[in-house]
Structure formats: structure tokens, C-alpha cells
N, C-alpha and C. Protein backbone atom coordinates (compact mmCIF):
# COMPACT_ATOMS: atom_id res chain seq x y z
N MET A 1 107.08 45.07 142.79
CA MET A 1 105.94 45.90 142.44
C MET A 1 106.18 47.32 142.88
N THR A 2 105.85 48.29 142.00
CA THR A 2 106.00 49.69 142.34
C THR A 2 104.64 50.35 142.27
N SER A 3 104.25 51.09 143.32
CA SER A 3 102.98 51.79 143.32
C SER A 3 103.13 53.15 143.95
N THR A 4 102.19 54.05 143.62
CA THR A 4 102.23 55.41 144.16
C THR A 4 100.95 55.70 144.91
N VAL A 5 101.07 56.26 146.12
CA VAL A 5 99.91 56.58 146.96
C VAL A 5 100.07 57.98 147.50
N SER A 6 98.94 58.69 147.85
CA SER A 6 99.01 60.01 148.45
C SER A 6 98.49 59.98 149.87
N ALA A 7 98.87 60.99 150.67
CA ALA A 7 98.42 61.03 152.05
C ALA A 7 98.15 62.43 152.49
N LYS A 8 97.60 62.60 153.71
CA LYS A 8 97.25 63.92 154.21
C LYS A 8 98.12 64.32 155.38
N SER A 9 98.40 65.77 155.56
CA SER A 9 99.40 66.25 156.51
C SER A 9 99.04 66.03 157.99
N TYR A 10 99.49 65.54 159.18
CA TYR A 10 99.43 65.54 160.71
C TYR A 10 100.69 66.12 161.22
N HIS A 11 117.49 49.19 161.03
CA HIS A 11 118.06 50.14 160.22
C HIS A 11 118.99 49.35 159.52
N ASP A 12 118.51 48.20 159.96
CA ASP A 12 119.70 48.01 159.16
C ASP A 12 119.24 47.66 157.75
N TYR A 13 119.91 48.22 156.73
CA TYR A 13 119.51 48.04 155.34
C TYR A 13 120.09 46.75 154.81
N LEU A 14 119.17 45.80 154.44
CA LEU A 14 119.60 44.53 153.86
C LEU A 14 119.04 44.45 152.45
N VAL A 15 119.82 43.86 151.54
CA VAL A 15 119.36 43.71 150.16
C VAL A 15 118.51 42.46 150.06
N SER A 16 117.34 42.58 149.41
CA SER A 16 116.44 41.44 149.29
C SER A 16 116.16 41.14 147.83
N GLU A 17 115.90 39.88 147.58
CA GLU A 17 115.50 39.50 146.22
C GLU A 17 114.04 39.84 145.98
N ASN A 18 113.26 39.94 147.05
CA ASN A 18 111.85 40.26 146.93
C ASN A 18 111.62 41.62 147.55
N SER A 19 111.18 42.62 146.77
CA SER A 19 110.97 43.94 147.33
C SER A 19 109.79 44.61 146.65
N ASN A 20 109.08 45.47 147.43
CA ASN A 20 108.02 46.30 146.91
C ASN A 20 108.45 47.74 147.02
N SER A 21 108.19 48.54 146.01
CA SER A 21 108.47 49.96 146.08
C SER A 21 107.16 50.70 145.88
N GLU A 22 106.76 51.51 146.88
CA GLU A 22 105.51 52.23 146.81
C GLU A 22 105.74 53.70 147.13
N THR A 23 104.94 54.56 146.50
CA THR A 23 105.01 55.98 146.78
C THR A 23 103.66 56.47 147.27
N LEU A 24 103.68 57.24 148.35
CA LEU A 24 102.47 57.75 148.97
C LEU A 24 102.61 59.24 149.16
N SER A 25 101.52 60.00 148.93
CA SER A 25 101.61 61.42 149.20
C SER A 25 100.79 61.78 150.42
N ALA A 26 101.12 62.92 151.03
CA ALA A 26 100.51 63.27 152.31
C ALA A 26 100.23 64.74 152.41
N SER A 27 99.25 65.09 153.25
CA SER A 27 98.97 66.50 153.55
C SER A 27 99.23 66.75 155.02
N SER A 28 99.43 68.03 155.41
CA SER A 28 100.04 68.27 156.72
C SER A 28 99.27 69.19 157.63
N THR A 29 99.54 69.01 158.94
CA THR A 29 99.08 69.93 159.97
C THR A 29 100.31 70.45 160.70
N ASN A 30 100.42 71.77 160.80
CA ASN A 30 101.61 72.38 161.40
C ASN A 30 101.33 72.80 162.83
N THR A 31 102.30 72.52 163.70
CA THR A 31 102.20 72.95 165.09
C THR A 31 103.44 73.74 165.45
N ASN A 32 103.25 75.02 165.78
CA ASN A 32 104.36 75.84 166.22
C ASN A 32 104.38 75.88 167.73
N SER A 33 105.55 75.82 168.30
CA SER A 33 105.68 75.89 169.74
C SER A 33 105.51 77.32 170.20
N THR A 34 104.47 77.56 171.04
CA THR A 34 104.23 78.90 171.54
C THR A 34 104.28 78.94 173.05
N ASP A 35 104.80 77.90 173.67
CA ASP A 35 104.88 77.86 175.12
C ASP A 35 105.81 78.95 175.63
N THR A 36 105.37 79.60 176.72
CA THR A 36 106.25 80.56 177.37
C THR A 36 106.99 79.88 178.47
N THR A 37 108.23 80.29 178.70
CA THR A 37 109.04 79.64 179.70
C THR A 37 109.76 80.67 180.53
N SER A 38 110.31 80.23 181.64
CA SER A 38 111.07 81.13 182.50
C SER A 38 112.44 81.35 181.92
N ASP A 39 113.20 82.29 182.57
CA ASP A 39 114.52 82.61 182.09
C ASP A 39 115.56 81.59 182.50
N THR A 40 115.12 80.55 183.23
CA THR A 40 116.05 79.53 183.68
C THR A 40 116.44 78.64 182.53
N GLU A 41 117.72 78.49 182.27
CA GLU A 41 118.21 77.69 181.16
C GLU A 41 118.24 76.23 181.56
N THR A 42 117.75 75.35 180.65
CA THR A 42 117.75 73.93 180.90
C THR A 42 119.13 73.37 180.60
N GLU A 43 119.70 72.62 181.55
CA GLU A 43 121.02 72.04 181.33
C GLU A 43 120.92 70.79 180.50
N SER A 44 121.93 70.52 179.68
CA SER A 44 121.96 69.32 178.86
C SER A 44 122.31 68.12 179.72
N THR A 45 121.86 66.92 179.26
CA THR A 45 122.15 65.70 179.99
C THR A 45 123.41 65.08 179.43
N ASP A 46 123.71 63.84 179.87
CA ASP A 46 124.95 63.19 179.49
C ASP A 46 125.06 62.92 178.00
N ASP A 47 123.92 62.81 177.31
CA ASP A 47 123.97 62.38 175.92
C ASP A 47 124.25 63.53 174.94
N TYR A 48 123.70 64.72 175.20
CA TYR A 48 123.79 65.79 174.21
C TYR A 48 124.19 67.12 174.84
N ASP A 49 124.96 67.90 174.08
CA ASP A 49 125.15 69.31 174.36
C ASP A 49 124.11 70.06 173.54
N GLU A 50 123.50 71.08 174.10
CA GLU A 50 122.46 71.79 173.39
C GLU A 50 122.73 73.28 173.33
N GLU A 51 122.28 73.87 172.21
CA GLU A 51 122.34 75.30 172.02
C GLU A 51 120.95 75.75 171.62
N SER A 52 120.02 75.84 172.60
CA SER A 52 118.64 76.10 172.27
C SER A 52 117.91 76.72 173.44
N SER A 53 116.71 77.23 173.15
CA SER A 53 115.86 77.79 174.18
C SER A 53 114.82 76.77 174.58
N ASP A 54 114.16 77.01 175.73
CA ASP A 54 113.15 76.09 176.21
C ASP A 54 111.92 76.12 175.29
N SER A 55 111.29 74.98 175.06
CA SER A 55 110.10 74.87 174.23
C SER A 55 109.53 73.49 174.45
N ASP A 56 108.66 73.01 173.53
CA ASP A 56 108.21 71.63 173.59
C ASP A 56 109.43 70.73 173.49
N THR A 57 109.33 69.55 174.07
CA THR A 57 110.49 68.66 174.08
C THR A 57 110.12 67.25 173.64
N ILE A 58 111.13 66.53 173.12
CA ILE A 58 111.06 65.10 172.85
C ILE A 58 112.26 64.47 173.52
N GLU A 59 112.05 63.34 174.19
CA GLU A 59 113.15 62.68 174.85
C GLU A 59 113.91 61.80 173.86
N ILE A 60 115.19 62.07 173.71
CA ILE A 60 116.08 61.26 172.89
C ILE A 60 117.18 60.75 173.80
N GLY A 61 117.23 59.44 173.96
CA GLY A 61 118.12 58.89 174.97
C GLY A 61 117.65 59.36 176.33
N SER A 62 118.53 59.99 177.07
CA SER A 62 118.14 60.55 178.37
C SER A 62 118.06 62.06 178.32
N THR A 63 117.97 62.62 177.10
CA THR A 63 117.97 64.06 176.92
C THR A 63 116.61 64.55 176.44
N ASP A 64 116.12 65.63 177.04
CA ASP A 64 114.95 66.31 176.52
C ASP A 64 115.40 67.28 175.43
N VAL A 65 115.06 66.96 174.19
CA VAL A 65 115.44 67.79 173.05
C VAL A 65 114.34 68.81 172.80
N ASP A 66 114.69 70.08 172.83
CA ASP A 66 113.71 71.15 172.61
C ASP A 66 113.26 71.18 171.16
N ILE A 67 111.95 71.36 170.95
CA ILE A 67 111.35 71.38 169.62
C ILE A 67 110.75 72.75 169.37
N SER A 68 111.13 73.36 168.25
CA SER A 68 110.60 74.68 167.91
C SER A 68 109.37 74.61 167.02
N ASP A 69 109.21 73.53 166.27
CA ASP A 69 108.12 73.43 165.31
C ASP A 69 107.92 71.97 164.93
N SER A 70 106.71 71.62 164.53
CA SER A 70 106.44 70.25 164.07
C SER A 70 105.39 70.27 162.98
N GLN A 71 105.44 69.25 162.14
CA GLN A 71 104.49 69.09 161.05
C GLN A 71 104.01 67.64 161.06
N GLU A 72 102.72 67.45 161.12
CA GLU A 72 102.14 66.11 161.20
C GLU A 72 101.39 65.79 159.91
N TYR A 73 101.69 64.61 159.35
CA TYR A 73 101.07 64.19 158.10
C TYR A 73 100.31 62.89 158.32
N SER A 74 99.05 62.86 157.94
CA SER A 74 98.30 61.61 157.97
C SER A 74 98.40 60.94 156.61
N THR A 75 98.55 59.62 156.60
CA THR A 75 98.68 58.88 155.35
C THR A 75 97.73 57.68 155.36
N ASP A 76 97.43 57.18 154.18
CA ASP A 76 96.59 55.98 154.07
C ASP A 76 97.38 54.82 153.47
N TYR A 77 98.70 54.82 153.69
CA TYR A 77 99.52 53.74 153.16
C TYR A 77 99.12 52.40 153.76
N SER A 78 98.93 51.41 152.91
CA SER A 78 98.62 50.05 153.35
C SER A 78 99.15 49.07 152.31
N ASP A 79 99.86 48.03 152.78
CA ASP A 79 100.44 47.03 151.90
C ASP A 79 100.12 45.65 152.46
N ASN A 80 99.42 44.84 151.67
CA ASN A 80 99.10 43.47 152.08
C ASN A 80 99.59 42.46 151.05
N SER A 81 100.68 42.82 150.34
CA SER A 81 101.14 42.02 149.22
C SER A 81 102.02 40.84 149.62
N TRP A 82 102.46 40.80 150.90
CA TRP A 82 103.41 39.75 151.30
C TRP A 82 102.88 38.93 152.47
N ALA A 83 102.85 37.63 152.29
CA ALA A 83 102.62 36.64 153.35
C ALA A 83 101.37 36.90 154.18
N GLY A 84 100.34 37.45 153.56
CA GLY A 84 99.11 37.70 154.30
C GLY A 84 99.25 38.71 155.41
N THR A 85 100.27 39.56 155.31
CA THR A 85 100.54 40.56 156.33
C THR A 85 100.14 41.94 155.82
N THR A 86 99.40 42.67 156.65
CA THR A 86 99.05 44.05 156.32
C THR A 86 99.95 44.99 157.11
N VAL A 87 100.66 45.84 156.39
CA VAL A 87 101.50 46.87 157.00
C VAL A 87 100.91 48.23 156.63
N LYS A 88 100.62 49.03 157.66
CA LYS A 88 100.06 50.36 157.44
C LYS A 88 100.98 51.42 158.04
N ILE A 89 101.02 52.55 157.38
CA ILE A 89 101.63 53.76 157.94
C ILE A 89 100.52 54.81 157.93
N ASP A 90 100.10 55.25 159.12
CA ASP A 90 98.98 56.19 159.18
C ASP A 90 99.39 57.60 159.58
N LYS A 91 100.67 57.77 159.99
CA LYS A 91 101.08 59.11 160.40
C LYS A 91 102.59 59.26 160.30
N VAL A 92 103.02 60.41 159.81
CA VAL A 92 104.44 60.81 159.81
C VAL A 92 104.51 62.18 160.46
N THR A 93 105.39 62.32 161.45
CA THR A 93 105.55 63.61 162.13
C THR A 93 107.00 64.06 162.01
N VAL A 94 107.18 65.30 161.58
CA VAL A 94 108.51 65.88 161.42
C VAL A 94 108.68 66.97 162.48
N TYR A 95 109.79 66.92 163.22
CA TYR A 95 110.08 67.88 164.28
C TYR A 95 111.36 68.65 163.96
N LYS A 96 111.33 69.96 164.12
CA LYS A 96 112.52 70.80 164.01
C LYS A 96 113.02 71.12 165.41
N THR A 97 114.26 70.79 165.67
CA THR A 97 114.81 71.08 166.99
C THR A 97 115.02 72.58 167.17
N ASP A 98 114.92 73.02 168.42
CA ASP A 98 115.16 74.43 168.74
C ASP A 98 116.65 74.61 169.02
N GLY A 99 117.41 74.77 167.96
CA GLY A 99 118.85 74.81 168.06
C GLY A 99 119.44 73.49 167.62
N GLU A 100 120.75 73.45 167.50
CA GLU A 100 121.45 72.24 167.05
C GLU A 100 121.97 71.46 168.24
N TYR A 101 121.78 70.16 168.18
CA TYR A 101 122.26 69.27 169.24
C TYR A 101 123.41 68.43 168.70
N ALA A 102 124.32 68.06 169.59
CA ALA A 102 125.43 67.19 169.23
C ALA A 102 125.65 66.19 170.36
N ASP A 103 125.97 64.95 169.97
CA ASP A 103 126.29 63.93 170.96
C ASP A 103 127.73 64.14 171.41
N LYS A 104 127.91 64.62 172.64
CA LYS A 104 129.26 64.96 173.10
C LYS A 104 130.09 63.72 173.43
N ASP A 105 129.44 62.53 173.51
CA ASP A 105 130.17 61.31 173.82
C ASP A 105 130.53 60.50 172.59
N ASP A 106 129.92 60.86 171.44
CA ASP A 106 130.16 60.08 170.22
C ASP A 106 130.11 61.02 169.03
N ASP A 107 131.27 61.50 168.59
CA ASP A 107 131.33 62.44 167.48
C ASP A 107 130.83 61.83 166.17
N SER A 108 130.87 60.51 166.07
CA SER A 108 130.45 59.86 164.82
C SER A 108 128.96 60.03 164.56
N LYS A 109 128.20 60.33 165.60
CA LYS A 109 126.76 60.49 165.43
C LYS A 109 126.40 61.83 164.80
N GLY A 110 127.34 62.77 164.77
CA GLY A 110 127.11 64.04 164.11
C GLY A 110 126.09 64.91 164.84
N LYS A 111 125.49 65.81 164.10
CA LYS A 111 124.57 66.79 164.66
C LYS A 111 123.13 66.31 164.57
N LEU A 112 122.30 66.89 165.41
CA LEU A 112 120.86 66.62 165.39
C LEU A 112 120.13 67.93 165.21
N ASN A 113 119.42 68.06 164.07
CA ASN A 113 118.63 69.25 163.79
C ASN A 113 117.16 68.95 163.56
N GLY A 114 116.80 67.67 163.49
CA GLY A 114 115.41 67.32 163.27
C GLY A 114 115.15 65.86 163.61
N ILE A 115 113.89 65.53 163.75
CA ILE A 115 113.45 64.18 164.09
C ILE A 115 112.25 63.82 163.22
N VAL A 116 112.22 62.60 162.71
CA VAL A 116 111.06 62.09 162.00
C VAL A 116 110.53 60.88 162.75
N LYS A 117 109.23 60.87 163.03
CA LYS A 117 108.56 59.71 163.61
C LYS A 117 107.58 59.15 162.60
N VAL A 118 107.67 57.85 162.36
CA VAL A 118 106.77 57.17 161.43
C VAL A 118 105.97 56.14 162.21
N HIS A 119 104.64 56.25 162.18
CA HIS A 119 103.79 55.35 162.96
C HIS A 119 103.30 54.19 162.09
N PHE A 120 103.64 52.96 162.52
CA PHE A 120 103.31 51.73 161.81
C PHE A 120 102.20 50.96 162.52
N ILE A 121 101.42 50.23 161.74
CA ILE A 121 100.49 49.22 162.24
C ILE A 121 100.76 47.94 161.46
N ILE A 122 101.01 46.84 162.17
CA ILE A 122 101.37 45.56 161.54
C ILE A 122 100.35 44.51 161.95
N GLN A 123 99.75 43.84 160.96
CA GLN A 123 98.71 42.85 161.21
C GLN A 123 99.00 41.59 160.40
N PRO A 124 99.72 40.62 160.95
CA PRO A 124 100.09 39.41 160.21
C PRO A 124 99.02 38.31 160.32
N SER A 125 98.93 37.50 159.28
CA SER A 125 98.04 36.34 159.31
C SER A 125 98.83 35.05 159.53
N ARG A 126 100.14 35.16 159.75
CA ARG A 126 100.99 34.05 160.14
C ARG A 126 102.10 34.62 161.02
N ASP A 127 102.84 33.78 161.70
CA ASP A 127 103.95 34.25 162.52
C ASP A 127 105.07 34.78 161.60
N ILE A 128 105.50 36.01 161.85
CA ILE A 128 106.53 36.63 161.03
C ILE A 128 107.55 37.34 161.93
N SER A 129 108.65 37.75 161.31
CA SER A 129 109.58 38.70 161.91
C SER A 129 109.65 39.89 160.97
N ILE A 130 109.55 41.10 161.54
CA ILE A 130 109.50 42.30 160.72
C ILE A 130 110.19 43.43 161.49
N TYR A 131 110.90 44.33 160.78
CA TYR A 131 111.83 45.23 161.46
C TYR A 131 111.74 46.70 160.99
N PRO A 132 110.61 47.36 161.17
CA PRO A 132 110.54 48.79 160.85
C PRO A 132 111.48 49.65 161.68
N THR A 133 111.78 49.23 162.92
CA THR A 133 112.67 50.04 163.75
C THR A 133 114.14 49.83 163.39
N GLN A 134 114.40 49.05 162.32
CA GLN A 134 115.73 48.95 161.75
C GLN A 134 115.72 49.46 160.31
N ALA A 135 114.76 50.29 159.99
CA ALA A 135 114.59 50.78 158.62
C ALA A 135 115.67 51.79 158.27
N THR A 136 115.86 51.96 156.97
CA THR A 136 116.66 53.05 156.42
C THR A 136 115.71 54.11 155.88
N LEU A 137 115.95 55.36 156.25
CA LEU A 137 115.16 56.49 155.77
C LEU A 137 115.99 57.32 154.81
N ASN A 138 115.43 57.62 153.64
CA ASN A 138 116.01 58.58 152.71
C ASN A 138 115.09 59.78 152.59
N THR A 139 115.69 60.97 152.56
CA THR A 139 114.91 62.20 152.42
C THR A 139 115.18 62.83 151.07
N ASP A 140 114.27 63.70 150.64
CA ASP A 140 114.42 64.33 149.33
C ASP A 140 115.55 65.35 149.30
N ASP A 141 116.12 65.71 150.48
CA ASP A 141 117.27 66.62 150.49
C ASP A 141 118.60 65.86 150.56
N GLY A 142 118.57 64.55 150.27
CA GLY A 142 119.80 63.79 150.09
C GLY A 142 120.35 63.08 151.31
N GLN A 143 119.60 63.01 152.39
CA GLN A 143 120.09 62.34 153.59
C GLN A 143 119.66 60.87 153.60
N GLN A 144 120.50 60.01 154.16
CA GLN A 144 120.18 58.61 154.41
C GLN A 144 120.50 58.31 155.87
N ILE A 145 119.48 57.87 156.62
CA ILE A 145 119.61 57.72 158.06
C ILE A 145 119.06 56.36 158.48
N ASP A 146 119.80 55.66 159.33
CA ASP A 146 119.28 54.45 159.95
C ASP A 146 118.37 54.82 161.11
N ALA A 147 117.36 54.00 161.33
CA ALA A 147 116.43 54.26 162.43
C ALA A 147 117.16 54.28 163.77
N ASP A 148 116.66 55.11 164.66
CA ASP A 148 117.13 55.17 166.04
C ASP A 148 116.40 54.09 166.82
N THR A 149 116.97 52.89 166.82
CA THR A 149 116.30 51.74 167.42
C THR A 149 116.04 51.94 168.91
N TYR A 150 116.98 52.59 169.58
CA TYR A 150 116.85 52.78 171.04
C TYR A 150 115.64 53.63 171.38
N ASP A 151 115.40 54.70 170.62
CA ASP A 151 114.30 55.61 170.93
C ASP A 151 113.01 55.27 170.20
N SER A 152 113.05 54.31 169.30
CA SER A 152 111.82 53.84 168.66
C SER A 152 111.01 52.99 169.64
N ASP A 153 109.72 52.84 169.37
CA ASP A 153 108.87 52.00 170.22
C ASP A 153 109.22 50.53 170.03
N ASP A 154 108.91 49.73 171.04
CA ASP A 154 109.17 48.29 171.00
C ASP A 154 107.92 47.57 170.51
N PHE A 155 107.79 47.44 169.19
CA PHE A 155 106.57 46.84 168.64
C PHE A 155 106.86 45.83 167.54
N ASP A 156 108.12 45.76 167.06
CA ASP A 156 108.40 44.88 165.93
C ASP A 156 109.28 43.72 166.35
N GLY A 157 109.94 43.08 165.38
CA GLY A 157 110.66 41.84 165.66
C GLY A 157 109.75 40.67 165.37
N ASP A 158 109.64 39.72 166.31
CA ASP A 158 108.75 38.58 166.14
C ASP A 158 107.32 39.01 166.44
N VAL A 159 106.46 38.93 165.43
CA VAL A 159 105.05 39.31 165.57
C VAL A 159 104.21 38.11 165.16
N ASN A 160 103.41 37.61 166.07
CA ASN A 160 102.65 36.39 165.82
C ASN A 160 101.34 36.65 165.09
N LYS A 161 100.85 35.61 164.47
CA LYS A 161 99.57 35.64 163.76
C LYS A 161 98.46 36.21 164.65
N GLY A 162 97.65 37.10 164.07
CA GLY A 162 96.52 37.66 164.79
C GLY A 162 96.84 38.85 165.66
N THR A 163 98.11 39.24 165.72
CA THR A 163 98.52 40.37 166.54
C THR A 163 98.32 41.68 165.79
N ASP A 164 97.86 42.72 166.50
CA ASP A 164 97.88 44.08 165.99
C ASP A 164 99.02 44.81 166.69
N ALA A 165 100.16 44.92 166.02
CA ALA A 165 101.32 45.57 166.61
C ALA A 165 101.45 46.96 166.01
N GLU A 166 101.63 47.97 166.86
CA GLU A 166 101.79 49.32 166.34
C GLU A 166 102.75 50.12 167.20
N GLY A 167 103.41 51.09 166.56
CA GLY A 167 104.35 51.94 167.26
C GLY A 167 105.10 52.83 166.29
N ASN A 168 105.98 53.65 166.84
CA ASN A 168 106.74 54.62 166.06
C ASN A 168 108.18 54.18 165.82
N ALA A 169 108.64 54.34 164.60
CA ALA A 169 110.06 54.27 164.29
C ALA A 169 110.59 55.70 164.25
N VAL A 170 111.72 55.93 164.92
CA VAL A 170 112.27 57.27 165.09
C VAL A 170 113.56 57.42 164.29
N PHE A 171 113.71 58.55 163.64
CA PHE A 171 114.91 58.85 162.85
C PHE A 171 115.43 60.23 163.24
N GLN A 172 116.73 60.31 163.53
CA GLN A 172 117.37 61.57 163.89
C GLN A 172 118.03 62.19 162.65
N LEU A 173 117.63 63.40 162.32
CA LEU A 173 118.12 64.05 161.10
C LEU A 173 119.28 64.99 161.42
N PRO A 174 120.43 64.81 160.78
CA PRO A 174 121.54 65.75 160.98
C PRO A 174 121.23 67.13 160.43
N GLN A 175 120.39 67.17 159.39
CA GLN A 175 120.04 68.45 158.75
C GLN A 175 118.53 68.55 158.61
N LEU A 176 117.99 69.72 158.94
CA LEU A 176 116.57 69.99 158.68
C LEU A 176 116.37 71.50 158.72
N GLU A 177 115.94 72.06 157.60
CA GLU A 177 115.74 73.50 157.52
C GLU A 177 114.54 73.94 158.33
N SER A 178 113.42 73.22 158.19
CA SER A 178 112.21 73.53 158.93
C SER A 178 111.35 72.27 159.00
N ALA A 179 110.32 72.29 159.82
CA ALA A 179 109.46 71.13 159.98
C ALA A 179 108.70 70.80 158.70
N SER A 180 108.54 71.78 157.84
CA SER A 180 107.78 71.57 156.59
C SER A 180 108.67 71.48 155.36
N SER A 181 109.98 71.41 155.54
CA SER A 181 110.88 71.45 154.37
C SER A 181 110.99 70.12 153.65
N LEU A 182 110.70 69.00 154.33
CA LEU A 182 110.76 67.70 153.65
C LEU A 182 109.53 67.52 152.78
N LYS A 183 109.75 67.09 151.56
CA LYS A 183 108.65 66.86 150.62
C LYS A 183 108.43 65.38 150.33
N ASN A 184 109.44 64.55 150.62
CA ASN A 184 109.32 63.12 150.36
C ASN A 184 110.25 62.35 151.27
N ILE A 185 109.79 61.21 151.77
CA ILE A 185 110.66 60.28 152.48
C ILE A 185 110.50 58.89 151.88
N ARG A 186 111.59 58.13 151.94
CA ARG A 186 111.58 56.74 151.47
C ARG A 186 112.05 55.85 152.61
N LEU A 187 111.36 54.73 152.82
CA LEU A 187 111.67 53.79 153.89
C LEU A 187 111.91 52.41 153.31
N LYS A 188 112.98 51.73 153.77
CA LYS A 188 113.24 50.34 153.40
C LYS A 188 113.48 49.55 154.68
N PHE A 189 112.77 48.43 154.81
CA PHE A 189 112.95 47.56 155.96
C PHE A 189 112.58 46.14 155.58
N ASP A 190 113.05 45.18 156.37
CA ASP A 190 112.95 43.77 156.00
C ASP A 190 111.96 43.00 156.87
N ALA A 191 111.53 41.88 156.32
CA ALA A 191 110.65 40.96 157.03
C ALA A 191 110.92 39.54 156.54
N ASP A 192 110.60 38.55 157.36
CA ASP A 192 110.78 37.15 156.97
C ASP A 192 109.89 36.25 157.81
N TYR A 193 109.80 35.01 157.41
CA TYR A 193 109.11 34.00 158.22
C TYR A 193 109.85 32.68 158.10
N ASP A 194 109.67 31.81 159.09
CA ASP A 194 110.30 30.49 159.08
C ASP A 194 109.51 29.53 158.20
N THR A 195 110.23 28.70 157.46
CA THR A 195 109.59 27.69 156.63
C THR A 195 110.54 26.52 156.42
N ASP A 196 109.97 25.32 156.29
CA ASP A 196 110.74 24.13 155.96
C ASP A 196 110.68 23.81 154.46
N ASP A 197 109.96 24.65 153.73
CA ASP A 197 109.80 24.44 152.29
C ASP A 197 110.95 25.11 151.55
N TYR A 198 111.88 24.30 151.04
CA TYR A 198 113.03 24.85 150.35
C TYR A 198 112.67 25.52 149.03
N ASP A 199 111.48 25.24 148.53
CA ASP A 199 111.04 25.87 147.29
C ASP A 199 110.31 27.19 147.53
N ASP A 200 110.12 27.55 148.80
CA ASP A 200 109.44 28.80 149.14
C ASP A 200 110.44 29.95 149.05
N ASP A 201 110.36 30.73 147.97
CA ASP A 201 111.27 31.85 147.79
C ASP A 201 110.65 33.18 148.23
N ASN A 202 109.54 33.07 148.97
CA ASN A 202 108.84 34.27 149.44
C ASN A 202 109.08 34.52 150.92
N ASP A 203 109.97 33.73 151.54
CA ASP A 203 110.11 33.81 153.00
C ASP A 203 110.86 35.05 153.46
N PHE A 204 111.57 35.72 152.56
CA PHE A 204 112.28 36.94 152.90
C PHE A 204 111.78 38.07 152.00
N HIS A 205 111.55 39.23 152.60
CA HIS A 205 110.93 40.33 151.85
C HIS A 205 111.48 41.67 152.32
N THR A 206 111.68 42.60 151.38
CA THR A 206 112.04 43.96 151.72
C THR A 206 110.91 44.90 151.31
N TYR A 207 110.43 45.66 152.27
CA TYR A 207 109.46 46.72 151.99
C TYR A 207 110.22 47.96 151.53
N ASP A 208 109.70 48.60 150.51
CA ASP A 208 110.31 49.81 149.95
C ASP A 208 109.18 50.78 149.62
N VAL A 209 109.03 51.81 150.43
CA VAL A 209 107.88 52.72 150.27
C VAL A 209 108.34 54.16 150.30
N SER A 210 107.81 54.96 149.41
CA SER A 210 108.05 56.39 149.39
C SER A 210 106.75 57.12 149.74
N ILE A 211 106.86 58.13 150.57
CA ILE A 211 105.69 58.91 150.98
C ILE A 211 105.93 60.36 150.63
N ASP A 212 105.06 60.92 149.80
CA ASP A 212 105.12 62.32 149.47
C ASP A 212 104.42 63.12 150.57
N LEU A 213 105.11 64.09 151.10
CA LEU A 213 104.57 64.93 152.17
C LEU A 213 104.09 66.24 151.57
N ALA A 214 102.79 66.31 151.32
CA ALA A 214 102.22 67.49 150.66
C ALA A 214 101.57 68.38 151.70
N ASN A 215 101.72 69.68 151.54
CA ASN A 215 101.10 70.64 152.46
C ASN A 215 99.63 70.85 152.11
């Protein structure tokens, strides 16, 4: 099923036979960092080398990553099409780093110029396993990024019936022009449940949702 939804402004990819593709649009609230700081330069930690000035920060690994700007989008995305489970995304926040960061211990991770946080709410009516913190993110500027499982919140995996599980999935962007430059993101992640019914072909599911980020 493919659907389109709009919203207001604030990883591992597996192929599934059952998938939903949805599009949501959003409107935004912009926050510029205006904090004043001393002339003392903040030293980088073991994870990242930094070329930036002091400002608002987000912790990535053991490093405080300076943020120069952020854009918050509120959304009304909700999907209850699979296994009596309601999955909601109520907020997407885009952060522009203050300077470019690089993982000095792992060159394969490339550069860090932005961060996307996606806030999920999961409400199952049966015991399920669901993995937003292993989602794949695609951006309208051509990037494909696996979720940063380590820095995402611990809210997914095995989620039992009647639970309200919520938290953020975090994505590190190698490229980001500004906090408001992204116009669309697409997320794909998997879910499943245990069954002894060999005729049940609904036990595995891939969520596929696009969110338009409108100013």
C-alpha cells in the first residue's frame, strides 16, 4: 500500500515481501544557536576530530558535537495496517553541525555534517519485534544512511502487547548544507512476530514511509 501524508515543522535494510510505502509532509520550526561562549576551545574526544566553534551540542558516542542550527518538524504520521500495531512518527529534527566532524579511529565512517532524529511511538496489540533503530534513511539530496544504533534510544526490538514504546532513531549525515535544506526523507525498517501458522504470510513486514519536510 502506498499513501501520502503531510506534517508540520518542529539499519539494517532487509527486503520484505510485505511492505507499506507512505509519504508524509511536514512544517518546521527553526532554532538558531545564539549561545555566547568563552574563548576557550573545546577539545575533541576519542571518537571525533572537530573543526568547529562552541555552540549547542549533541552527544554522539562520547563526543559533544557542536550544533550551529536545527529545524524541528512535527508530523501526524500513523500506520496501523500491520498486525494490530500502531506506529507513529510525531517529530523529525534536523541538526547542522558547527563545522565538519570526522571519526579519527574509523575512516570508513566518513564525515559528519548533520544529524537527523526521528521520534517514534509504537503501540502493538500483540507481541512483536520491530526495529526503527536499524532503519535505512534516504534523503532527497541522494544520501542513504543506516541508523546510528548506538546513539539511538533503546525502545525497539521485542515490544510486548499493550506497551507504549517511544524513542528517537538517530542518523548521522555525511553531507548537510543547512538545517532546513532537506525537503524529504524516506525510512525503511522491519518488523515481525512469532507464529506456528505456516499459512500466515503476514508475520514479516517492512515499513516504508516518506515524510515531506515543508517550511
